[in-house]
Amino acid sequence: MEPIKKVTGRAVPIDRQNVDTDSIVPARFLKRIERTGWGEVLFNDLRYTADDKPDPSFVLNQPGYENAKVMIVGRNFGTGSSREHAVWAIAQYGIRAIIGSSFADIFHKNCFEVGVVPVHLPEDKVQQLMRAAKEGSLGDVTVDLEKCEVTDGAGFREKFVIHNDPETHEFRRETLLNGWDEIALTLKEADVITAFEEKRPKYLDPIRG
């Protein structure tokens, strides 16, 4: 997982509440076994028509939102099934930060495992950014994880958290800043694990044969 200290770029508004993971990545794509290529199917059924042509009414296909790095979303984003593929698709599309007032719990946790910053702001501030993004007056948005601050080029400035529990917020912020997923966190304790294994009685070793 790549470390994240600051994300700066165009923000795309997804002005829908209760967006579920099946909307983010439809279930029929879950038969794939690869972990790459998921950005291509992000919001597939909203993004494309029945004959697989880009739907001009969907925001990702509209001019001005190309190469977006930030997504602004409605309440309870990522509800539904626990598929991690939803966050894979968002990250592989190029989005590194999602700004919203609330996220579904498992989707929220998956963001930390993949390397996407889930930015919690008050609903009125989210709507302020949403309106500006839809009007095309927002410009580039910066999510500064070191300062825990969202800014734009027009004077918007607001502190944010990535978890409502202060202790968890600091822990998760550290993992994102350093690019530590659960495997990396385990490997940090490699010496302790090795020392434990060396002291462990041999008769407890698994039988191989």
C-alpha atoms as a PDB file:
ATOM      1  CA  MET A   1       0.000   0.000   0.000  1.00  0.00           C
ATOM      2  CA  GLU A   2       1.404   3.399  -0.969  1.00  0.00           C
ATOM      3  CA  PRO A   3       1.792   6.029   1.779  1.00  0.00           C
ATOM      4  CA  ILE A   4      -0.610   8.966   1.571  1.00  0.00           C
ATOM      5  CA  LYS A   5       0.229  12.363   3.017  1.00  0.00           C
ATOM      6  CA  LYS A   6      -1.675  14.698   0.743  1.00  0.00           C
ATOM      7  CA  VAL A   7      -4.175  14.245  -2.096  1.00  0.00           C
ATOM      8  CA  THR A   8      -4.726  17.138  -4.496  1.00  0.00           C
ATOM      9  CA  GLY A   9      -6.898  17.051  -7.593  1.00  0.00           C
ATOM     10  CA  ARG A  10     -10.279  17.502  -9.186  1.00  0.00           C
ATOM     11  CA  ALA A  11     -13.276  16.386  -7.109  1.00  0.00           C
ATOM     12  CA  VAL A  12     -16.140  14.435  -8.666  1.00  0.00           C
ATOM     13  CA  PRO A  13     -19.582  14.724  -7.000  1.00  0.00           C
ATOM     14  CA  ILE A  14     -21.623  11.533  -6.502  1.00  0.00           C
ATOM     15  CA  ASP A  15     -24.816  13.203  -5.312  1.00  0.00           C
ATOM     16  CA  ARG A  16     -26.669  10.086  -4.153  1.00  0.00           C
ATOM     17  CA  GLN A  17     -27.457   8.799  -0.684  1.00  0.00           C
ATOM     18  CA  ASN A  18     -27.146   5.162   0.444  1.00  0.00           C
ATOM     19  CA  VAL A  19     -24.987   4.146  -2.512  1.00  0.00           C
ATOM     20  CA  ASP A  20     -24.413   0.415  -2.069  1.00  0.00           C
ATOM     21  CA  THR A  21     -21.423  -1.673  -3.057  1.00  0.00           C
ATOM     22  CA  ASP A  22     -23.432  -3.389  -5.808  1.00  0.00           C
ATOM     23  CA  SER A  23     -23.803   0.010  -7.464  1.00  0.00           C
ATOM     24  CA  ILE A  24     -20.071   0.623  -7.058  1.00  0.00           C
ATOM     25  CA  VAL A  25     -19.137  -2.845  -8.445  1.00  0.00           C
ATOM     26  CA  PRO A  26     -22.028  -5.024  -9.680  1.00  0.00           C
ATOM     27  CA  ALA A  27     -21.993  -8.573  -8.305  1.00  0.00           C
ATOM     28  CA  ARG A  28     -21.612 -10.244 -11.712  1.00  0.00           C
ATOM     29  CA  PHE A  29     -18.039  -8.964 -11.911  1.00  0.00           C
ATOM     30  CA  LEU A  30     -17.046 -10.737  -8.700  1.00  0.00           C
ATOM     31  CA  LYS A  31     -16.410 -13.953 -10.640  1.00  0.00           C
ATOM     32  CA  ARG A  32     -13.098 -12.423 -11.706  1.00  0.00           C
ATOM     33  CA  ILE A  33     -10.061 -13.647  -9.774  1.00  0.00           C
ATOM     34  CA  GLU A  34      -7.659 -10.817 -10.670  1.00  0.00           C
ATOM     35  CA  ARG A  35      -7.052  -7.966  -8.262  1.00  0.00           C
ATOM     36  CA  THR A  36      -6.360  -5.505 -11.097  1.00  0.00           C
ATOM     37  CA  GLY A  37      -8.593  -3.885 -13.693  1.00  0.00           C
ATOM     38  CA  TRP A  38     -11.394  -2.977 -11.286  1.00  0.00           C
ATOM     39  CA  GLY A  39     -11.355   0.707 -12.152  1.00  0.00           C
ATOM     40  CA  GLU A  40     -12.854  -0.196 -15.515  1.00  0.00           C
ATOM     41  CA  VAL A  41     -16.057  -1.476 -13.886  1.00  0.00           C
ATOM     42  CA  LEU A  42     -16.490   1.282 -11.282  1.00  0.00           C
ATOM     43  CA  PHE A  43     -20.195   2.287 -11.264  1.00  0.00           C
ATOM     44  CA  ASN A  44     -20.551   0.116 -14.376  1.00  0.00           C
ATOM     45  CA  ASP A  45     -24.372   0.057 -14.536  1.00  0.00           C
ATOM     46  CA  LEU A  46     -24.595   3.805 -13.986  1.00  0.00           C
ATOM     47  CA  ARG A  47     -21.619   4.664 -16.146  1.00  0.00           C
ATOM     48  CA  TYR A  48     -22.609   2.686 -19.249  1.00  0.00           C
ATOM     49  CA  THR A  49     -25.798   2.128 -21.227  1.00  0.00           C
ATOM     50  CA  ALA A  50     -27.236  -1.320 -21.991  1.00  0.00           C
ATOM     51  CA  ASP A  51     -25.130  -1.465 -25.157  1.00  0.00           C
ATOM     52  CA  ASP A  52     -21.932  -0.657 -23.199  1.00  0.00           C
ATOM     53  CA  LYS A  53     -21.593   2.942 -24.348  1.00  0.00           C
ATOM     54  CA  PRO A  54     -20.714   5.749 -21.902  1.00  0.00           C
ATOM     55  CA  ASP A  55     -23.880   7.312 -20.500  1.00  0.00           C
ATOM     56  CA  PRO A  56     -23.473  11.103 -20.831  1.00  0.00           C
ATOM     57  CA  SER A  57     -25.876  11.685 -17.936  1.00  0.00           C
ATOM     58  CA  PHE A  58     -23.542  10.061 -15.415  1.00  0.00           C
ATOM     59  CA  VAL A  59     -21.029  12.383 -13.815  1.00  0.00           C
ATOM     60  CA  LEU A  60     -17.896  10.308 -14.501  1.00  0.00           C
ATOM     61  CA  ASN A  61     -18.584  10.692 -18.225  1.00  0.00           C
ATOM     62  CA  GLN A  62     -19.058  14.453 -18.114  1.00  0.00           C
ATOM     63  CA  PRO A  63     -16.347  16.962 -19.115  1.00  0.00           C
ATOM     64  CA  GLY A  64     -14.330  18.442 -16.275  1.00  0.00           C
ATOM     65  CA  TYR A  65     -14.206  15.368 -14.074  1.00  0.00           C
ATOM     66  CA  GLU A  66     -11.514  13.465 -15.933  1.00  0.00           C
ATOM     67  CA  ASN A  67      -8.657  12.162 -13.781  1.00  0.00           C
ATOM     68  CA  ALA A  68     -10.447  13.059 -10.542  1.00  0.00           C
ATOM     69  CA  LYS A  69      -8.513  12.272  -7.349  1.00  0.00           C
ATOM     70  CA  VAL A  70     -11.247  13.091  -4.829  1.00  0.00           C
ATOM     71  CA  MET A  71     -14.860  11.903  -4.627  1.00  0.00           C
ATOM     72  CA  ILE A  72     -17.609  13.782  -2.772  1.00  0.00           C
ATOM     73  CA  VAL A  73     -20.439  11.471  -1.744  1.00  0.00           C
ATOM     74  CA  GLY A  74     -23.864  11.413  -0.093  1.00  0.00           C
ATOM     75  CA  ARG A  75     -24.692   9.968   3.321  1.00  0.00           C
ATOM     76  CA  ASN A  76     -24.150   6.288   4.149  1.00  0.00           C
ATOM     77  CA  PHE A  77     -21.856   5.657   1.209  1.00  0.00           C
ATOM     78  CA  GLY A  78     -20.756   2.046   0.638  1.00  0.00           C
ATOM     79  CA  THR A  79     -23.688   0.288   2.274  1.00  0.00           C
ATOM     80  CA  GLY A  80     -24.627  -3.291   1.359  1.00  0.00           C
ATOM     81  CA  SER A  81     -22.284  -6.246   0.981  1.00  0.00           C
ATOM     82  CA  SER A  82     -18.756  -6.274   2.389  1.00  0.00           C
ATOM     83  CA  ARG A  83     -16.972  -6.705  -0.964  1.00  0.00           C
ATOM     84  CA  GLU A  84     -13.529  -5.115  -0.838  1.00  0.00           C
ATOM     85  CA  HIS A  85     -13.711  -4.927  -4.634  1.00  0.00           C
ATOM     86  CA  ALA A  86     -15.728  -1.704  -4.268  1.00  0.00           C
ATOM     87  CA  VAL A  87     -12.760   0.108  -2.738  1.00  0.00           C
ATOM     88  CA  TRP A  88     -10.360  -1.582  -5.192  1.00  0.00           C
ATOM     89  CA  ALA A  89     -12.412  -0.108  -8.046  1.00  0.00           C
ATOM     90  CA  ILE A  90     -12.422   3.376  -6.532  1.00  0.00           C
ATOM     91  CA  ALA A  91      -8.668   3.302  -5.903  1.00  0.00           C
ATOM     92  CA  GLN A  92      -7.803   1.822  -9.294  1.00  0.00           C
ATOM     93  CA  TYR A  93      -9.925   4.455 -11.021  1.00  0.00           C
ATOM     94  CA  GLY A  94      -7.591   7.000  -9.421  1.00  0.00           C
ATOM     95  CA  ILE A  95      -9.586   8.231  -6.416  1.00  0.00           C
ATOM     96  CA  ARG A  96      -7.413   8.521  -3.292  1.00  0.00           C
ATOM     97  CA  ALA A  97      -9.830  10.339  -0.951  1.00  0.00           C
ATOM     98  CA  ILE A  98     -13.608  10.207  -0.413  1.00  0.00           C
ATOM     99  CA  ILE A  99     -15.369  13.094   1.337  1.00  0.00           C
ATOM    100  CA  GLY A 100     -18.681  12.372   3.046  1.00  0.00           C
ATOM    101  CA  SER A 101     -20.600  12.766   6.293  1.00  0.00           C
ATOM    102  CA  SER A 102     -21.032   9.012   6.888  1.00  0.00           C
ATOM    103  CA  PHE A 103     -19.814   5.712   5.470  1.00  0.00           C
ATOM    104  CA  ALA A 104     -20.987   2.125   5.884  1.00  0.00           C
ATOM    105  CA  ASP A 105     -18.826   0.419   8.518  1.00  0.00           C
ATOM    106  CA  ILE A 106     -17.207  -2.361   6.464  1.00  0.00           C
ATOM    107  CA  PHE A 107     -16.660  -0.120   3.450  1.00  0.00           C
ATOM    108  CA  HIS A 108     -15.044   2.397   5.801  1.00  0.00           C
ATOM    109  CA  LYS A 109     -12.660  -0.263   7.172  1.00  0.00           C
ATOM    110  CA  ASN A 110     -11.811  -1.475   3.661  1.00  0.00           C
ATOM    111  CA  CYS A 111     -10.671   2.034   2.727  1.00  0.00           C
ATOM    112  CA  PHE A 112      -7.826   1.753   5.226  1.00  0.00           C
ATOM    113  CA  GLU A 113      -6.802  -1.658   3.886  1.00  0.00           C
ATOM    114  CA  VAL A 114      -6.623  -0.429   0.292  1.00  0.00           C
ATOM    115  CA  GLY A 115      -5.206   3.062   0.815  1.00  0.00           C
ATOM    116  CA  VAL A 116      -8.141   5.446   0.306  1.00  0.00           C
ATOM    117  CA  VAL A 117      -8.688   8.284   2.801  1.00  0.00           C
ATOM    118  CA  PRO A 118     -12.299   8.347   4.130  1.00  0.00           C
ATOM    119  CA  VAL A 119     -12.789  12.009   5.056  1.00  0.00           C
ATOM    120  CA  HIS A 120     -15.565  12.750   7.559  1.00  0.00           C
ATOM    121  CA  LEU A 121     -16.992  16.274   7.352  1.00  0.00           C
ATOM    122  CA  PRO A 122     -20.256  17.717   8.696  1.00  0.00           C
ATOM    123  CA  GLU A 123     -23.134  17.252   6.259  1.00  0.00           C
ATOM    124  CA  ASP A 124     -23.491  20.986   5.569  1.00  0.00           C
ATOM    125  CA  LYS A 125     -19.809  21.196   4.591  1.00  0.00           C
ATOM    126  CA  VAL A 126     -20.130  18.142   2.345  1.00  0.00           C
ATOM    127  CA  GLN A 127     -23.111  19.746   0.621  1.00  0.00           C
ATOM    128  CA  GLN A 128     -21.184  22.989   0.192  1.00  0.00           C
ATOM    129  CA  LEU A 129     -18.419  21.107  -1.633  1.00  0.00           C
ATOM    130  CA  MET A 130     -20.976  19.037  -3.560  1.00  0.00           C
ATOM    131  CA  ARG A 131     -22.732  22.114  -4.902  1.00  0.00           C
ATOM    132  CA  ALA A 132     -19.484  23.781  -5.928  1.00  0.00           C
ATOM    133  CA  ALA A 133     -18.269  20.602  -7.642  1.00  0.00           C
ATOM    134  CA  LYS A 134     -21.531  20.257  -9.576  1.00  0.00           C
ATOM    135  CA  GLU A 135     -21.412  23.901 -10.604  1.00  0.00           C
ATOM    136  CA  GLY A 136     -17.814  23.540 -11.752  1.00  0.00           C
ATOM    137  CA  SER A 137     -16.631  26.304  -9.433  1.00  0.00           C
ATOM    138  CA  LEU A 138     -14.718  24.134  -6.964  1.00  0.00           C
ATOM    139  CA  GLY A 139     -11.386  23.720  -8.709  1.00  0.00           C
ATOM    140  CA  ASP A 140      -8.807  21.396  -7.197  1.00  0.00           C
ATOM    141  CA  VAL A 141      -9.356  20.064  -3.676  1.00  0.00           C
ATOM    142  CA  THR A 142      -6.551  19.179  -1.269  1.00  0.00           C
ATOM    143  CA  VAL A 143      -6.960  16.546   1.439  1.00  0.00           C
ATOM    144  CA  ASP A 144      -4.002  17.001   3.788  1.00  0.00           C
ATOM    145  CA  LEU A 145      -3.728  13.940   6.027  1.00  0.00           C
ATOM    146  CA  GLU A 146      -0.859  15.405   8.065  1.00  0.00           C
ATOM    147  CA  LYS A 147      -2.929  18.462   9.016  1.00  0.00           C
ATOM    148  CA  CYS A 148      -6.294  16.640   8.769  1.00  0.00           C
ATOM    149  CA  GLU A 149      -7.607  19.512   6.712  1.00  0.00           C
ATOM    150  CA  VAL A 150      -9.594  19.895   3.481  1.00  0.00           C
ATOM    151  CA  THR A 151      -9.006  23.020   1.390  1.00  0.00           C
ATOM    152  CA  ASP A 152      -9.756  24.291  -2.088  1.00  0.00           C
ATOM    153  CA  GLY A 153      -8.516  27.212  -4.121  1.00  0.00           C
ATOM    154  CA  ALA A 154     -11.472  29.426  -3.243  1.00  0.00           C
ATOM    155  CA  GLY A 155     -11.116  29.739   0.527  1.00  0.00           C
ATOM    156  CA  PHE A 156     -12.774  26.551   1.787  1.00  0.00           C
ATOM    157  CA  ARG A 157     -10.918  25.165   4.808  1.00  0.00           C
ATOM    158  CA  GLU A 158     -12.235  22.567   7.219  1.00  0.00           C
ATOM    159  CA  LYS A 159     -10.710  20.120   9.694  1.00  0.00           C
ATOM    160  CA  PHE A 160     -11.689  16.482   9.295  1.00  0.00           C
ATOM    161  CA  VAL A 161     -11.399  13.101  11.011  1.00  0.00           C
ATOM    162  CA  ILE A 162     -11.083   9.674   9.419  1.00  0.00           C
ATOM    163  CA  HIS A 163     -12.650   7.910  12.408  1.00  0.00           C
ATOM    164  CA  ASN A 164     -14.978   9.260  15.073  1.00  0.00           C
ATOM    165  CA  ASP A 165     -13.020   7.584  17.875  1.00  0.00           C
ATOM    166  CA  PRO A 166      -9.939   9.759  18.563  1.00  0.00           C
ATOM    167  CA  GLU A 167      -7.610   6.848  19.349  1.00  0.00           C
ATOM    168  CA  THR A 168      -8.658   4.906  16.244  1.00  0.00           C
ATOM    169  CA  HIS A 169      -8.398   8.086  14.170  1.00  0.00           C
ATOM    170  CA  GLU A 170      -4.733   8.481  15.138  1.00  0.00           C
ATOM    171  CA  PHE A 171      -3.952   4.797  14.559  1.00  0.00           C
ATOM    172  CA  ARG A 172      -5.607   4.751  11.132  1.00  0.00           C
ATOM    173  CA  ARG A 173      -4.016   8.067  10.173  1.00  0.00           C
ATOM    174  CA  GLU A 174      -0.590   6.603  10.987  1.00  0.00           C
ATOM    175  CA  THR A 175      -1.241   3.510   8.869  1.00  0.00           C
ATOM    176  CA  LEU A 176      -2.289   5.611   5.861  1.00  0.00           C
ATOM    177  CA  LEU A 177       0.618   8.037   6.246  1.00  0.00           C
ATOM    178  CA  ASN A 178       3.059   5.124   6.285  1.00  0.00           C
ATOM    179  CA  GLY A 179       1.313   2.826   3.823  1.00  0.00           C
ATOM    180  CA  TRP A 180       0.793   0.044   6.381  1.00  0.00           C
ATOM    181  CA  ASP A 181      -1.869  -2.538   5.666  1.00  0.00           C
ATOM    182  CA  GLU A 182      -2.520  -5.462   8.044  1.00  0.00           C
ATOM    183  CA  ILE A 183       0.298  -7.530   6.554  1.00  0.00           C
ATOM    184  CA  ALA A 184       2.763  -4.663   7.004  1.00  0.00           C
ATOM    185  CA  LEU A 185       1.626  -4.177  10.603  1.00  0.00           C
ATOM    186  CA  THR A 186       2.234  -7.875  11.255  1.00  0.00           C
ATOM    187  CA  LEU A 187       5.691  -7.769   9.655  1.00  0.00           C
ATOM    188  CA  LYS A 188       6.622  -4.899  11.977  1.00  0.00           C
ATOM    189  CA  GLU A 189       6.482  -7.495  14.754  1.00  0.00           C
ATOM    190  CA  ALA A 190       8.599 -10.045  12.841  1.00  0.00           C
ATOM    191  CA  ASP A 191      11.328 -10.170  15.524  1.00  0.00           C
ATOM    192  CA  VAL A 192       8.792 -10.789  18.282  1.00  0.00           C
ATOM    193  CA  ILE A 193       7.085 -13.499  16.221  1.00  0.00           C
ATOM    194  CA  THR A 194      10.427 -15.177  15.448  1.00  0.00           C
ATOM    195  CA  ALA A 195      11.443 -15.110  19.118  1.00  0.00           C
ATOM    196  CA  PHE A 196       8.138 -16.695  20.096  1.00  0.00           C
ATOM    197  CA  GLU A 197       8.502 -19.426  17.463  1.00  0.00           C
ATOM    198  CA  GLU A 198      12.032 -20.248  18.643  1.00  0.00           C
ATOM    199  CA  LYS A 199      10.837 -20.742  22.235  1.00  0.00           C
ATOM    200  CA  ARG A 200       7.772 -22.723  21.219  1.00  0.00           C
ATOM    201  CA  PRO A 201       8.002 -26.459  22.103  1.00  0.00           C
ATOM    202  CA  LYS A 202       8.726 -28.571  19.029  1.00  0.00           C
ATOM    203  CA  TYR A 203       5.941 -30.997  19.853  1.00  0.00           C
ATOM    204  CA  LEU A 204       3.476 -28.211  19.109  1.00  0.00           C
ATOM    205  CA  ASP A 205       4.740 -27.870  15.518  1.00  0.00           C
ATOM    206  CA  PRO A 206       2.168 -28.895  12.900  1.00  0.00           C
ATOM    207  CA  ILE A 207       2.545 -32.389  11.466  1.00  0.00           C
ATOM    208  CA  ARG A 208       3.638 -32.311   7.862  1.00  0.00           C
ATOM    209  CA  GLY A 209       3.513 -35.293   5.580  1.00  0.00           C
END
